[in-house]
Amino acid sequence: MMIKEKLDQVIALIEKAGDALLELYKKQDLDISMKPDATPVTEADKLSNTLLRKELKALFPDIPIISEESNIPDYHLRESWKYCWLVDPLDGTKEFIYKNGRFCINIALICGTQPIFGIINNIRDKEIIWAFKDDKCYIKKENQISELTPVSNKGTNLKMVVSRFNMTEAEFEYIDYLQSKGYNLELIPLGASAKHCAIAKGEADIYPKFGRCYEWDSAAGQIIVETSGGLVVNPTDYSNIVYNKKNMENPPFIMFNKKIREQIEEGNEIFIHHK
């Protein structure tokens, strides 16, 4: 795959964009505006978007790019694409604005309707995690690259990562449901794709996302979680998430780490059949 041949350049690119975000993170007066969907966008989103689009295009001139911070081409153009990039140049804009540090950069390569490569710069934890479909998951931390080996939760609590800002009633109902089944839950509030990284690393067991979420939010995280041994599923009909759709909003989904996926495959239907 041509991406593997240029993996070092992609890693360098996402690191460069992360460094640029950190420089703006230090600013006291950040330029902030509101998008039509009433979500904030900052000069950091725009700077990262410009950098990523320019350099991805230089590296892979034949692969179109879909970014949260750029105009999305009409579906009649996109539906014929074999490959496309899905980019979130600043995942966790609210985290960035409130300066709690939990923001990421997401890049995923889509083939047809599924991600085949994903990379996340988990900036707060100073780590970059990536995976190719049907391959292994890797992490770069302290300039060392190694295969990602999920840790095992030795405690009795079920660790669930949740959003700091966007918890929905349906997610609270899911929490109540698991507690009614006898699980002790430890809720871990995290921002952006740091939640996906925590699932892949085994530091958390479950991440339910039933509220508004878009393809660029989840694509990189999905393949990283799945390659690390986890599972990502739509609990409404138990299907996979589909990408490069006409409507780029995601359906509800739940991410499970490797341990919970194994329990589901052994017949434990509690985690998915929650209605």
Protein backbone atom coordinates (compact mmCIF):
# COMPACT_ATOMS: atom_id res chain seq x y z
CA MET A 1 0.00 0.00 0.00
CA MET A 2 1.37 3.40 -0.98
CA ILE A 3 0.50 4.83 2.43
CA LYS A 4 2.94 2.47 4.11
CA GLU A 5 5.71 3.67 1.85
CA LYS A 6 5.12 7.24 3.04
CA LEU A 7 4.20 6.48 6.64
CA ASP A 8 7.18 8.38 8.02
CA GLN A 9 6.06 11.51 6.15
CA VAL A 10 2.48 11.13 7.44
CA ILE A 11 3.74 10.78 11.01
CA ALA A 12 5.97 13.83 10.55
CA LEU A 13 3.00 15.76 9.13
CA ILE A 14 0.66 15.01 12.02
CA GLU A 15 3.46 15.87 14.46
CA LYS A 16 4.05 19.18 12.67
CA ALA A 17 0.35 20.03 12.85
CA GLY A 18 0.32 19.13 16.55
CA ASP A 19 3.28 21.44 17.22
CA ALA A 20 1.47 24.25 15.40
CA LEU A 21 -1.61 23.71 17.58
CA LEU A 22 0.47 23.80 20.74
CA GLU A 23 1.91 27.17 19.76
CA LEU A 24 -1.57 28.63 19.39
CA TYR A 25 -2.70 26.88 22.57
CA LYS A 26 -0.40 29.23 24.49
CA LYS A 27 -2.22 32.32 23.21
CA GLN A 28 -4.36 34.24 25.65
CA ASP A 29 -6.71 35.76 23.06
CA LEU A 30 -7.71 33.09 20.58
CA ASP A 31 -9.70 34.05 17.50
CA ILE A 32 -13.01 32.16 17.88
CA SER A 33 -16.12 32.21 15.70
CA MET A 34 -19.28 30.11 15.37
CA LYS A 35 -20.10 27.81 12.48
CA PRO A 36 -23.63 27.46 11.05
CA ASP A 37 -24.23 24.38 13.23
CA ALA A 38 -23.55 26.54 16.35
CA THR A 39 -20.22 24.86 17.12
CA PRO A 40 -17.06 26.92 17.64
CA VAL A 41 -14.14 27.14 15.25
CA THR A 42 -10.82 28.77 16.07
CA GLU A 43 -7.80 30.05 14.21
CA ALA A 44 -6.10 26.83 15.36
CA ASP A 45 -8.67 24.67 13.51
CA LYS A 46 -8.10 26.72 10.38
CA LEU A 47 -4.31 26.71 10.59
CA SER A 48 -4.13 22.95 11.13
CA ASN A 49 -6.62 22.38 8.33
CA THR A 50 -4.58 24.42 5.86
CA LEU A 51 -1.34 22.67 6.80
CA LEU A 52 -2.78 19.15 6.67
CA ARG A 53 -4.63 19.63 3.41
CA LYS A 54 -1.62 21.18 1.68
CA GLU A 55 0.84 18.50 2.72
CA LEU A 56 -1.50 15.52 2.28
CA LYS A 57 -2.20 16.77 -1.22
CA ALA A 58 1.53 17.02 -1.89
CA LEU A 59 2.13 13.49 -0.62
CA PHE A 60 -0.92 11.89 -2.25
CA PRO A 61 -2.09 14.14 -5.11
CA ASP A 62 -4.65 11.63 -6.41
CA ILE A 63 -6.55 11.12 -3.13
CA PRO A 64 -9.32 13.67 -2.39
CA ILE A 65 -9.65 15.11 1.09
CA ILE A 66 -12.73 15.59 3.25
CA SER A 67 -12.07 17.83 6.24
CA GLU A 68 -14.35 19.14 8.94
CA GLU A 69 -13.07 22.64 8.29
CA SER A 70 -13.45 22.72 4.48
CA ASN A 71 -16.42 22.67 2.17
CA ILE A 72 -17.55 19.09 1.63
CA PRO A 73 -17.96 18.10 -2.04
CA ASP A 74 -21.45 17.08 -3.17
CA TYR A 75 -22.24 13.41 -2.76
CA HIS A 76 -22.70 12.89 -6.51
CA LEU A 77 -18.97 13.57 -6.78
CA ARG A 78 -17.91 11.68 -3.66
CA GLU A 79 -19.87 8.49 -4.27
CA SER A 80 -17.55 7.48 -7.13
CA TRP A 81 -14.37 7.91 -5.08
CA LYS A 82 -12.48 4.70 -4.33
CA TYR A 83 -10.29 6.40 -1.74
CA CYS A 84 -10.55 9.58 0.28
CA TRP A 85 -9.00 11.13 3.35
CA LEU A 86 -11.15 12.04 6.35
CA VAL A 87 -9.46 14.75 8.43
CA ASP A 88 -10.31 16.41 11.71
CA PRO A 89 -7.62 19.07 12.05
CA LEU A 90 -8.55 19.85 15.66
CA ASP A 91 -10.69 17.24 17.36
CA GLY A 92 -11.78 18.76 20.64
CA THR A 93 -12.14 22.45 19.81
CA LYS A 94 -13.98 23.11 23.08
CA GLU A 95 -11.18 21.36 24.99
CA PHE A 96 -8.74 23.63 23.18
CA ILE A 97 -10.72 26.76 24.00
CA TYR A 98 -11.12 25.87 27.69
CA LYS A 99 -7.45 24.82 27.85
CA ASN A 100 -7.89 21.47 29.54
CA GLY A 101 -5.48 19.91 27.09
CA ARG A 102 -7.55 17.07 25.66
CA PHE A 103 -7.46 17.71 21.94
CA CYS A 104 -6.25 15.55 19.06
CA ILE A 105 -5.71 15.42 15.31
CA ASN A 106 -7.41 12.64 13.35
CA ILE A 107 -6.53 11.42 9.86
CA ALA A 108 -8.11 8.36 8.24
CA LEU A 109 -7.95 6.84 4.78
CA ILE A 110 -11.26 5.47 3.54
CA CYS A 111 -11.53 2.78 0.87
CA GLY A 112 -15.10 2.54 -0.37
CA THR A 113 -17.05 2.91 2.85
CA GLN A 114 -14.53 1.66 5.45
CA PRO A 115 -11.33 3.03 7.00
CA ILE A 116 -8.17 1.15 6.03
CA PHE A 117 -5.69 3.41 7.82
CA GLY A 118 -6.02 5.74 10.76
CA ILE A 119 -3.64 7.90 12.77
CA ILE A 120 -4.29 10.05 15.84
CA ASN A 121 -2.01 12.60 17.42
CA ASN A 122 -3.07 12.44 21.07
CA ILE A 123 -1.34 15.69 21.86
CA ARG A 124 -1.87 15.88 25.64
CA ASP A 125 -0.37 12.42 26.17
CA LYS A 126 2.45 13.12 23.68
CA GLU A 127 1.70 10.01 21.68
CA ILE A 128 0.82 9.13 18.13
CA ILE A 129 -1.15 5.94 17.46
CA TRP A 130 -1.85 4.42 14.05
CA ALA A 131 -3.07 1.25 12.41
CA PHE A 132 -3.60 -0.29 9.00
CA LYS A 133 -6.47 -2.66 8.30
CA ASP A 134 -5.55 -6.33 8.84
CA ASP A 135 -2.24 -5.30 10.39
CA LYS A 136 -0.99 -4.31 13.83
CA CYS A 137 -1.49 -1.15 15.84
CA TYR A 138 1.53 1.00 16.67
CA ILE A 139 2.35 3.83 19.04
CA LYS A 140 5.08 6.46 19.00
CA LYS A 141 5.91 7.88 22.41
CA GLU A 142 9.09 9.61 23.55
CA ASN A 143 10.45 9.12 20.02
CA GLN A 144 10.18 5.35 20.37
CA ILE A 145 7.92 3.29 18.09
CA SER A 146 6.47 0.01 19.35
CA GLU A 147 3.54 -2.28 18.75
CA LEU A 148 0.56 -1.24 20.85
CA THR A 149 -0.18 -3.90 23.43
CA PRO A 150 -3.43 -3.24 25.31
CA VAL A 151 -3.17 -3.35 29.09
CA SER A 152 -5.64 -5.41 31.08
CA ASN A 153 -8.00 -3.80 33.58
CA LYS A 154 -7.30 -5.73 36.80
CA GLY A 155 -9.92 -3.90 38.85
CA THR A 156 -13.53 -4.82 39.49
CA ASN A 157 -14.93 -1.61 38.00
CA LEU A 158 -15.93 -1.31 34.38
CA LYS A 159 -14.13 1.75 33.04
CA MET A 160 -16.18 3.91 30.69
CA VAL A 161 -14.85 6.97 28.90
CA VAL A 162 -17.40 9.72 28.39
CA SER A 163 -17.52 13.18 26.86
CA ARG A 164 -16.75 16.19 29.02
CA PHE A 165 -19.28 18.40 27.23
CA ASN A 166 -21.79 16.34 25.24
CA MET A 167 -23.33 13.59 27.36
CA THR A 168 -26.80 12.65 26.09
CA GLU A 169 -29.85 11.23 27.85
CA ALA A 170 -29.41 7.99 25.91
CA GLU A 171 -25.85 7.64 27.22
CA PHE A 172 -27.03 8.16 30.80
CA GLU A 173 -29.68 5.49 30.18
CA TYR A 174 -26.98 3.09 28.97
CA ILE A 175 -24.98 3.76 32.14
CA ASP A 176 -28.07 3.08 34.28
CA TYR A 177 -28.73 -0.10 32.30
CA LEU A 178 -25.24 -1.52 32.89
CA GLN A 179 -25.47 -0.65 36.58
CA SER A 180 -28.83 -2.45 36.74
CA LYS A 181 -27.03 -5.54 35.41
CA GLY A 182 -24.63 -5.44 38.34
CA TYR A 183 -21.65 -3.64 36.82
CA ASN A 184 -19.74 -1.11 38.89
CA LEU A 185 -18.88 1.73 36.55
CA GLU A 186 -15.99 4.14 36.76
CA LEU A 187 -16.68 7.10 34.48
CA ILE A 188 -13.61 8.75 32.95
CA PRO A 189 -14.30 12.11 31.27
CA LEU A 190 -12.00 12.67 28.30
CA GLY A 191 -12.03 14.94 25.30
CA ALA A 192 -11.84 14.20 21.62
CA SER A 193 -10.22 11.03 20.30
CA ALA A 194 -8.29 10.57 23.53
CA LYS A 195 -11.31 8.37 24.33
CA HIS A 196 -10.60 6.15 21.33
CA CYS A 197 -6.94 5.90 22.33
CA ALA A 198 -7.90 4.87 25.87
CA ILE A 199 -10.07 2.06 24.48
CA ALA A 200 -7.32 0.86 22.12
CA LYS A 201 -4.74 0.90 24.92
CA GLY A 202 -7.05 -1.03 27.25
CA GLU A 203 -7.10 1.83 29.75
CA ALA A 204 -10.90 2.00 29.34
CA ASP A 205 -13.42 -0.71 28.52
CA ILE A 206 -16.34 1.05 26.83
CA TYR A 207 -17.11 4.27 25.03
CA PRO A 208 -20.76 4.88 24.08
CA LYS A 209 -21.45 7.68 21.62
CA PHE A 210 -25.16 8.25 21.01
CA GLY A 211 -25.12 12.00 20.36
CA ARG A 212 -24.08 14.10 17.39
CA CYS A 213 -20.84 12.91 15.85
CA TYR A 214 -19.39 13.02 12.36
CA GLU A 215 -17.32 10.69 10.21
CA TRP A 216 -14.06 12.59 10.75
CA ASP A 217 -14.57 12.22 14.50
CA SER A 218 -14.58 8.43 14.47
CA ALA A 219 -12.88 6.98 11.37
CA ALA A 220 -9.28 6.98 12.62
CA GLY A 221 -10.36 5.85 16.07
CA GLN A 222 -12.45 3.02 14.69
CA ILE A 223 -9.66 1.29 12.81
CA ILE A 224 -7.23 1.83 15.68
CA VAL A 225 -9.67 0.28 18.16
CA GLU A 226 -10.51 -2.62 15.85
CA THR A 227 -6.87 -3.34 15.01
CA SER A 228 -5.98 -3.36 18.70
CA GLY A 229 -8.54 -6.14 19.15
CA GLY A 230 -11.60 -4.09 20.04
CA LEU A 231 -15.02 -3.69 18.48
CA VAL A 232 -17.02 -0.74 17.14
CA VAL A 233 -20.71 -1.38 16.55
CA ASN A 234 -24.00 0.43 15.97
CA PRO A 235 -26.19 -0.82 18.85
CA THR A 236 -29.36 0.04 16.93
CA ASP A 237 -28.93 -2.73 14.35
CA TYR A 238 -25.50 -4.20 15.29
CA SER A 239 -23.95 -2.99 12.01
CA ASN A 240 -20.62 -1.38 11.17
CA ILE A 241 -20.27 2.36 10.73
CA VAL A 242 -20.24 3.38 7.07
CA TYR A 243 -18.13 6.27 5.76
CA ASN A 244 -18.30 8.72 2.88
CA LYS A 245 -22.08 8.67 3.13
CA LYS A 246 -24.43 11.25 1.67
CA ASN A 247 -25.10 12.44 5.22
CA MET A 248 -21.78 12.47 7.05
CA GLU A 249 -23.31 12.35 10.52
CA ASN A 250 -22.64 9.07 12.30
CA PRO A 251 -25.28 6.75 13.73
CA PRO A 252 -24.99 5.84 17.43
CA PHE A 253 -22.03 3.59 18.16
CA ILE A 254 -20.23 1.89 21.04
CA MET A 255 -16.51 1.19 21.17
CA PHE A 256 -15.35 -1.81 23.22
CA ASN A 257 -11.81 -2.82 24.08
CA LYS A 258 -10.38 -6.26 23.37
CA LYS A 259 -11.50 -7.75 26.70
CA ILE A 260 -15.14 -6.75 26.23
CA ARG A 261 -15.14 -7.82 22.57
CA GLU A 262 -14.01 -11.28 23.67
CA GLN A 263 -16.84 -11.42 26.22
CA ILE A 264 -19.35 -10.43 23.51
CA GLU A 265 -18.01 -13.13 21.18
CA GLU A 266 -18.34 -15.67 24.01
CA GLY A 267 -22.06 -14.86 24.20
CA ASN A 268 -22.39 -11.96 26.63
CA GLU A 269 -25.05 -9.86 24.90
CA ILE A 270 -25.58 -7.41 27.75
CA PHE A 271 -23.24 -4.75 26.41
CA ILE A 272 -24.93 -4.48 23.02
CA HIS A 273 -28.53 -5.57 23.65
CA HIS A 274 -29.29 -2.80 26.09
CA LYS A 275 -32.87 -1.93 25.16
